[in-house]
Amino acid sequence: MIKLKLLGYLIIAICFSFTAIGQRIDTTPLDAYWKMIEPLKQNDSLSVKDWYTFLAINANKTYIENQGFDSAYLEKLRKNIQYVYMPAYDSLLKARVAAIEKDPASYWITYKVYVYKKYEKELKQYQKQLASPAYLEAVYTNAFAWLPKNLQQKDTTVNFYLLGIENDAIAGGGTIIVTLWSAYNQDKIKLGILGGHEMHHVLRKGIEFKNVGENYKGLLYVLNSILNEGTADMIDKVLAIAHEDELPMGSKFKEFELFEADSIVKQIDSSIQILSKTESKVYKTEKDYRNLLRWSSGHCPGYYMADIIVRNGFKKQLISHIQNPFYFIYLYNRAAKKDIKKPPVFSSAAIKYIKLLEEKYLQKNS
């Protein structure tokens, strides 16, 4: 009997260990990038066929579709990879780098490729760190810090990919995609914060509202988006903004997160009031709200609002209601009324309307 129990515990332990070490960061698309650029260093051009074979790698394809890159942009990217790596373009590259050192935006695509060349040795060395179990542990620790206990569960089914192009990160549908350059720089501030941000999106398990009327889709989109990005931004963007002068050229987190955020809050409030006054007949679509958020996915004004909530002592309440986009607005209002900087608050008419929307959709979907 004792032997059977011990055998059972041993099987459980082995299964647990297998699950724990089963998750890893898949560097297939990144390795494909390193391989692709090698011939260019010998002046072999990057053919359109080889380029699109590279782009067809699952994680690359997912990232490109998410970012909305069209064929014209992808062709510019292909040409810029040639400019950066092929010795035949050394003079052109030298001129562009001189301009980039003054303003990265002058040749933004060239800049995004050039950093992979300039820091190739450091990036490859950093890549090796990511194979360590300690790295994923740091990612989870960062994500858990902004989740309630019931959501602090590792998900080993998540696909985690590392890319060798661009400088961003996305998450959705059980997949996390992080670009090497972004992770490399943010990890200098604190290990695993960018991955933690993206893992937070996966583990938070936001509510997907069903059977939503056309006149409410836009508003529910914006409420979900500002909560989703605003809370995850507390993991990495607070630190990125505080250390922005230590990050590479082109890192404008403060501008991205805060540009006219107060004005956007006012416009959301105004739109809700119009919905209320017109009995939901005059409304903004999801596309309208995406334009209002400047296609930031909710980072602005989400970060601005979450930061006000946290610095006014409501972090615990924010985490406790991390899945409720309506509560995020109520909590923001409480914090904004308390804040010494006097940020805009949502009107009583808007709050009343949001409460009606919460009753209509949250109860239905819970």
Protein backbone atom coordinates (compact mmCIF):
# COMPACT_ATOMS: atom_id res chain seq x y z
CA MET A 1 0.00 0.00 0.00
CA ILE A 2 2.80 2.38 0.94
CA LYS A 3 4.68 1.46 -2.24
CA LEU A 4 1.56 2.17 -4.31
CA LYS A 5 1.14 5.56 -2.66
CA LEU A 6 4.79 6.38 -3.27
CA LEU A 7 4.43 5.32 -6.88
CA GLY A 8 1.37 7.54 -7.21
CA TYR A 9 3.20 10.53 -5.74
CA LEU A 10 6.13 9.82 -8.04
CA ILE A 11 3.88 9.78 -11.11
CA ILE A 12 2.24 13.05 -10.02
CA ALA A 13 5.64 14.62 -9.43
CA ILE A 14 6.90 13.52 -12.84
CA CYS A 15 3.76 14.84 -14.56
CA PHE A 16 4.02 18.14 -12.69
CA SER A 17 7.67 18.50 -13.62
CA PHE A 18 6.91 17.74 -17.25
CA THR A 19 4.17 20.39 -17.29
CA ALA A 20 6.38 22.91 -15.55
CA ILE A 21 9.27 22.52 -17.96
CA GLY A 22 7.08 21.90 -21.02
CA GLN A 23 6.49 25.58 -21.68
CA ARG A 24 9.24 27.43 -23.43
CA ILE A 25 9.81 30.45 -25.60
CA ASP A 26 9.77 29.41 -29.25
CA THR A 27 12.59 31.16 -31.11
CA THR A 28 11.84 29.58 -34.50
CA PRO A 29 10.89 32.88 -36.20
CA LEU A 30 13.89 34.64 -34.64
CA ASP A 31 16.30 31.89 -35.70
CA ALA A 32 14.86 32.13 -39.22
CA TYR A 33 15.67 35.85 -39.21
CA TRP A 34 19.30 35.28 -38.20
CA LYS A 35 19.62 32.68 -40.94
CA MET A 36 17.94 34.91 -43.55
CA ILE A 37 20.28 37.86 -43.07
CA GLU A 38 23.55 35.91 -43.34
CA PRO A 39 23.69 35.79 -47.18
CA LEU A 40 22.98 39.53 -47.30
CA LYS A 41 26.25 40.16 -45.50
CA GLN A 42 27.93 38.68 -48.59
CA ASN A 43 25.93 41.00 -50.91
CA ASP A 44 23.34 38.37 -51.84
CA SER A 45 20.01 40.17 -52.13
CA LEU A 46 16.87 39.09 -50.30
CA SER A 47 14.54 37.70 -52.95
CA VAL A 48 10.83 38.36 -52.77
CA LYS A 49 10.24 34.60 -52.66
CA ASP A 50 12.57 34.08 -49.68
CA TRP A 51 11.11 37.10 -47.97
CA TYR A 52 7.55 35.84 -48.22
CA THR A 53 8.62 32.38 -47.12
CA PHE A 54 10.00 34.03 -44.00
CA LEU A 55 6.84 36.09 -43.50
CA ALA A 56 4.72 32.94 -43.82
CA ILE A 57 6.19 31.51 -40.60
CA ASN A 58 3.17 31.21 -38.32
CA ALA A 59 4.22 33.72 -35.65
CA ASN A 60 5.42 36.25 -38.24
CA LYS A 61 2.15 35.93 -40.13
CA THR A 62 0.08 36.39 -36.97
CA TYR A 63 2.06 39.45 -35.95
CA ILE A 64 1.83 41.05 -39.40
CA GLU A 65 -1.92 40.50 -39.59
CA ASN A 66 -2.39 41.91 -36.09
CA GLN A 67 -0.36 45.03 -36.93
CA GLY A 68 -2.15 45.53 -40.22
CA PHE A 69 1.03 45.66 -42.31
CA ASP A 70 0.12 45.84 -45.99
CA SER A 71 2.16 44.63 -48.96
CA ALA A 72 3.62 48.11 -49.54
CA TYR A 73 4.99 48.28 -45.99
CA LEU A 74 6.35 44.75 -46.16
CA GLU A 75 8.17 45.58 -49.40
CA LYS A 76 9.71 48.66 -47.73
CA LEU A 77 10.82 46.45 -44.86
CA ARG A 78 12.43 43.95 -47.26
CA LYS A 79 14.34 46.74 -49.01
CA ASN A 80 15.47 48.24 -45.73
CA ILE A 81 16.81 44.88 -44.58
CA GLN A 82 18.91 44.88 -47.75
CA TYR A 83 20.07 48.46 -47.13
CA VAL A 84 21.18 47.56 -43.61
CA TYR A 85 22.95 44.26 -44.24
CA MET A 86 24.31 44.39 -47.79
CA PRO A 87 27.78 45.99 -48.14
CA ALA A 88 26.67 47.40 -51.51
CA TYR A 89 24.51 49.89 -49.60
CA ASP A 90 27.14 50.95 -47.07
CA SER A 91 27.19 54.58 -48.25
CA LEU A 92 23.42 54.85 -48.16
CA LEU A 93 23.30 53.25 -44.72
CA LYS A 94 26.01 55.54 -43.37
CA ALA A 95 24.01 58.60 -44.45
CA ARG A 96 20.81 57.24 -42.94
CA VAL A 97 22.48 56.33 -39.65
CA ALA A 98 23.82 59.90 -39.39
CA ALA A 99 20.25 61.17 -39.78
CA ILE A 100 18.88 58.54 -37.39
CA GLU A 101 21.29 59.62 -34.66
CA LYS A 102 19.63 63.03 -34.74
CA ASP A 103 16.09 61.72 -35.15
CA PRO A 104 15.19 57.99 -35.42
CA ALA A 105 11.90 58.94 -37.09
CA SER A 106 13.80 60.30 -40.11
CA TYR A 107 14.31 56.73 -41.33
CA TRP A 108 12.16 54.78 -38.90
CA ILE A 109 12.06 51.48 -40.80
CA THR A 110 15.82 51.57 -41.36
CA TYR A 111 16.31 52.28 -37.66
CA LYS A 112 14.17 49.30 -36.61
CA VAL A 113 16.29 46.99 -38.78
CA TYR A 114 19.64 48.64 -38.03
CA VAL A 115 19.47 48.01 -34.28
CA TYR A 116 19.36 44.26 -34.97
CA LYS A 117 22.58 44.61 -36.93
CA LYS A 118 24.34 46.99 -34.56
CA TYR A 119 23.57 44.91 -31.48
CA GLU A 120 23.54 41.46 -33.07
CA LYS A 121 26.15 40.03 -30.71
CA GLU A 122 24.40 41.36 -27.60
CA LEU A 123 20.98 40.27 -28.85
CA LYS A 124 22.15 36.72 -29.55
CA GLN A 125 23.71 36.53 -26.11
CA TYR A 126 20.48 37.81 -24.57
CA GLN A 127 18.48 35.25 -26.56
CA LYS A 128 20.31 32.48 -24.74
CA GLN A 129 18.99 33.78 -21.39
CA LEU A 130 15.43 33.28 -22.54
CA ALA A 131 15.85 29.51 -22.62
CA SER A 132 16.25 29.52 -18.85
CA PRO A 133 13.20 28.48 -16.74
CA ALA A 134 14.01 31.51 -14.58
CA TYR A 135 12.97 33.82 -17.37
CA LEU A 136 9.44 32.43 -17.72
CA GLU A 137 9.22 32.42 -13.94
CA ALA A 138 9.96 36.16 -13.98
CA VAL A 139 7.28 36.66 -16.66
CA TYR A 140 4.66 34.92 -14.51
CA THR A 141 5.75 36.73 -11.34
CA ASN A 142 5.29 40.08 -13.07
CA ALA A 143 1.89 39.10 -14.43
CA PHE A 144 0.69 37.69 -11.08
CA ALA A 145 1.54 40.95 -9.30
CA TRP A 146 -1.46 42.57 -11.02
CA LEU A 147 -3.92 39.69 -10.81
CA PRO A 148 -6.17 38.45 -7.99
CA LYS A 149 -5.30 35.11 -6.36
CA ASN A 150 -7.91 33.18 -8.33
CA LEU A 151 -6.27 34.19 -11.63
CA GLN A 152 -2.69 33.55 -10.55
CA GLN A 153 -2.52 30.24 -12.41
CA LYS A 154 0.24 29.37 -14.89
CA ASP A 155 -1.00 28.41 -18.32
CA THR A 156 1.47 26.05 -19.97
CA THR A 157 -0.68 25.88 -23.11
CA VAL A 158 0.28 29.45 -24.04
CA ASN A 159 2.40 29.67 -27.18
CA PHE A 160 5.21 32.19 -26.60
CA TYR A 161 7.14 33.30 -29.70
CA LEU A 162 10.17 35.54 -30.18
CA LEU A 163 10.50 37.58 -33.38
CA GLY A 164 13.49 39.17 -35.12
CA ILE A 165 11.60 42.03 -36.77
CA GLU A 166 9.93 45.20 -35.45
CA ASN A 167 9.81 46.44 -31.85
CA ASP A 168 6.51 45.55 -30.24
CA ALA A 169 4.62 42.74 -28.52
CA ILE A 170 1.10 41.31 -28.80
CA ALA A 171 -1.04 38.72 -27.07
CA GLY A 172 -4.32 37.01 -27.81
CA GLY A 173 -5.94 33.65 -28.42
CA GLY A 174 -3.49 31.85 -26.15
CA THR A 175 -0.50 33.23 -28.05
CA ILE A 176 2.17 35.74 -27.01
CA ILE A 177 4.49 37.28 -29.58
CA VAL A 178 7.39 39.43 -28.43
CA THR A 179 10.00 41.11 -30.60
CA LEU A 180 13.57 40.59 -29.47
CA TRP A 181 14.58 44.27 -29.52
CA SER A 182 11.68 45.32 -27.30
CA ALA A 183 12.23 42.57 -24.73
CA TYR A 184 16.01 43.12 -24.71
CA ASN A 185 15.65 46.77 -23.79
CA GLN A 186 12.80 46.53 -21.30
CA ASP A 187 14.43 43.58 -19.53
CA LYS A 188 17.37 45.85 -18.73
CA ILE A 189 14.98 47.74 -16.46
CA LYS A 190 13.43 44.64 -14.89
CA LEU A 191 13.59 41.04 -16.07
CA GLY A 192 10.47 39.77 -17.82
CA ILE A 193 8.31 42.89 -17.63
CA LEU A 194 7.34 42.97 -21.32
CA GLY A 195 6.50 39.27 -21.28
CA GLY A 196 4.68 39.85 -17.99
CA HIS A 197 2.54 42.53 -19.62
CA GLU A 198 1.55 40.19 -22.44
CA MET A 199 1.03 37.22 -20.09
CA HIS A 200 -1.28 39.44 -18.03
CA HIS A 201 -3.53 39.83 -21.10
CA VAL A 202 -3.76 36.04 -21.41
CA LEU A 203 -4.30 35.25 -17.73
CA ARG A 204 -6.73 38.11 -16.98
CA LYS A 205 -9.36 36.36 -19.09
CA GLY A 206 -11.37 39.45 -19.93
CA ILE A 207 -15.11 39.14 -20.48
CA GLU A 208 -16.23 38.64 -24.06
CA PHE A 209 -19.68 40.17 -24.27
CA LYS A 210 -22.17 38.32 -26.46
CA ASN A 211 -25.22 39.40 -28.43
CA VAL A 212 -24.22 43.05 -28.22
CA GLY A 213 -26.42 45.60 -29.99
CA GLU A 214 -24.74 47.53 -32.81
CA ASN A 215 -25.16 50.80 -30.92
CA TYR A 216 -23.21 49.45 -27.92
CA LYS A 217 -20.33 47.64 -29.65
CA GLY A 218 -18.12 50.71 -29.89
CA LEU A 219 -18.53 51.71 -26.26
CA LEU A 220 -17.95 48.18 -24.97
CA TYR A 221 -14.84 47.99 -27.15
CA VAL A 222 -13.37 51.15 -25.65
CA LEU A 223 -14.24 50.19 -22.06
CA ASN A 224 -12.65 46.76 -22.49
CA SER A 225 -9.58 48.19 -24.22
CA ILE A 226 -8.66 50.84 -21.67
CA LEU A 227 -8.98 48.31 -18.84
CA ASN A 228 -7.05 45.63 -20.72
CA GLU A 229 -4.06 47.81 -21.60
CA GLY A 230 -4.23 50.21 -18.68
CA THR A 231 -3.83 47.52 -16.02
CA ALA A 232 -1.17 45.58 -17.94
CA ASP A 233 0.75 48.84 -18.41
CA MET A 234 1.23 49.02 -14.67
CA ILE A 235 3.61 46.06 -15.05
CA ASP A 236 6.02 47.56 -17.56
CA LYS A 237 5.12 51.05 -18.77
CA VAL A 238 5.43 52.73 -15.37
CA LEU A 239 9.03 51.53 -15.23
CA ALA A 240 9.65 52.27 -18.91
CA ILE A 241 8.51 55.87 -18.46
CA ALA A 242 10.55 56.30 -15.28
CA HIS A 243 13.67 55.01 -17.09
CA GLU A 244 12.95 56.39 -20.55
CA ASP A 245 16.26 58.26 -20.69
CA GLU A 246 18.05 54.91 -20.28
CA LEU A 247 16.24 53.30 -23.19
CA PRO A 248 17.37 53.57 -26.84
CA MET A 249 16.51 56.36 -29.22
CA GLY A 250 12.92 56.27 -30.38
CA SER A 251 11.56 55.09 -27.03
CA LYS A 252 8.72 57.53 -26.43
CA PHE A 253 6.61 55.64 -23.94
CA LYS A 254 5.50 58.74 -22.06
CA GLU A 255 4.30 60.42 -25.24
CA PHE A 256 2.58 57.24 -26.45
CA GLU A 257 0.83 56.56 -23.14
CA LEU A 258 -0.12 60.10 -22.13
CA PHE A 259 -0.52 62.26 -25.25
CA GLU A 260 -3.82 64.13 -24.81
CA ALA A 261 -5.11 61.34 -22.55
CA ASP A 262 -7.23 63.76 -20.53
CA SER A 263 -8.86 64.99 -23.73
CA ILE A 264 -9.68 61.43 -24.79
CA VAL A 265 -11.34 60.77 -21.42
CA LYS A 266 -13.48 63.88 -21.94
CA GLN A 267 -14.45 62.76 -25.44
CA ILE A 268 -15.44 59.30 -24.22
CA ASP A 269 -17.58 60.95 -21.56
CA SER A 270 -19.18 63.21 -24.16
CA SER A 271 -19.94 60.24 -26.42
CA ILE A 272 -21.64 58.39 -23.56
CA GLN A 273 -23.73 61.44 -22.73
CA ILE A 274 -24.87 61.64 -26.36
CA LEU A 275 -25.81 57.95 -26.24
CA SER A 276 -27.88 58.64 -23.15
CA LYS A 277 -29.60 61.76 -24.52
CA THR A 278 -30.49 60.11 -27.84
CA GLU A 279 -31.68 56.86 -26.25
CA SER A 280 -28.69 55.05 -27.80
CA LYS A 281 -29.55 56.14 -31.35
CA VAL A 282 -26.45 58.31 -31.91
CA TYR A 283 -23.31 56.31 -31.22
CA LYS A 284 -19.66 55.83 -32.12
CA THR A 285 -18.63 52.62 -33.84
CA GLU A 286 -15.65 50.50 -32.84
CA LYS A 287 -13.68 52.09 -35.69
CA ASP A 288 -14.61 55.56 -34.39
CA TYR A 289 -13.24 54.66 -30.97
CA ARG A 290 -10.11 53.08 -32.44
CA ASN A 291 -9.45 56.39 -34.19
CA LEU A 292 -10.11 58.28 -30.96
CA LEU A 293 -7.56 56.08 -29.17
CA ARG A 294 -5.16 56.71 -32.09
CA TRP A 295 -5.07 52.93 -32.68
CA SER A 296 -3.21 52.45 -29.40
CA SER A 297 -5.42 49.46 -28.44
CA GLY A 298 -6.35 51.32 -25.26
CA HIS A 299 -2.89 52.20 -23.91
CA CYS A 300 -3.94 55.82 -24.10
CA PRO A 301 -5.92 56.71 -22.02
CA GLY A 302 -5.83 53.31 -20.23
CA TYR A 303 -2.41 53.92 -18.67
CA TYR A 304 -3.38 57.45 -17.66
CA MET A 305 -6.53 56.22 -15.90
CA ALA A 306 -4.93 53.19 -14.22
CA ASP A 307 -2.06 55.33 -12.97
CA ILE A 308 -4.51 57.78 -11.37
CA ILE A 309 -6.34 54.86 -9.73
CA VAL A 310 -3.13 53.36 -8.33
CA ARG A 311 -1.47 56.53 -7.08
CA ASN A 312 -4.63 57.46 -5.19
CA GLY A 313 -4.62 54.24 -3.20
CA PHE A 314 -7.04 52.00 -5.12
CA LYS A 315 -4.65 49.35 -6.42
CA LYS A 316 -6.22 46.61 -4.31
CA GLN A 317 -9.71 47.38 -5.62
CA LEU A 318 -8.41 47.55 -9.19
CA ILE A 319 -6.88 44.09 -8.94
CA SER A 320 -9.96 42.65 -7.20
CA HIS A 321 -12.17 43.78 -10.11
CA ILE A 322 -9.59 43.27 -12.87
CA GLN A 323 -12.14 41.71 -15.26
CA ASN A 324 -14.85 44.36 -14.92
CA PRO A 325 -14.53 47.26 -17.42
CA PHE A 326 -17.48 49.09 -15.86
CA TYR A 327 -15.94 49.04 -12.40
CA PHE A 328 -12.74 50.45 -13.90
CA ILE A 329 -14.67 53.62 -14.81
CA TYR A 330 -16.30 53.91 -11.38
CA LEU A 331 -12.94 53.42 -9.67
CA TYR A 332 -11.27 55.95 -11.95
CA ASN A 333 -13.91 58.52 -11.03
CA ARG A 334 -13.33 57.95 -7.31
CA ALA A 335 -9.58 58.33 -7.79
CA ALA A 336 -9.84 61.34 -10.12
CA LYS A 337 -12.01 63.24 -7.63
CA LYS A 338 -9.34 62.59 -5.01
CA ASP A 339 -6.33 63.38 -7.24
CA ILE A 340 -4.49 66.66 -6.60
CA LYS A 341 -3.90 67.17 -10.34
CA LYS A 342 -7.66 67.46 -10.92
CA PRO A 343 -7.98 65.13 -13.93
CA PRO A 344 -11.32 65.01 -15.77
CA VAL A 345 -14.10 62.88 -14.28
CA PHE A 346 -16.99 61.14 -15.98
CA SER A 347 -20.29 63.00 -15.67
CA SER A 348 -23.12 61.68 -13.55
CA ALA A 349 -25.11 61.12 -16.76
CA ALA A 350 -22.30 58.98 -18.20
CA ILE A 351 -21.93 56.97 -14.99
CA LYS A 352 -25.66 56.35 -14.88
CA TYR A 353 -25.60 55.11 -18.47
CA ILE A 354 -22.61 52.83 -17.83
CA LYS A 355 -24.44 51.31 -14.86
CA LEU A 356 -27.39 50.52 -17.12
CA LEU A 357 -25.00 48.96 -19.61
CA GLU A 358 -23.41 46.91 -16.84
CA GLU A 359 -26.81 45.57 -15.80
CA LYS A 360 -27.65 44.80 -19.43
CA TYR A 361 -24.43 42.99 -20.38
CA LEU A 362 -22.37 41.99 -17.34
CA GLN A 363 -25.19 40.06 -15.69
CA LYS A 364 -26.08 38.45 -19.01
CA ASN A 365 -22.51 37.28 -19.61
CA SER A 366 -21.52 36.26 -16.07
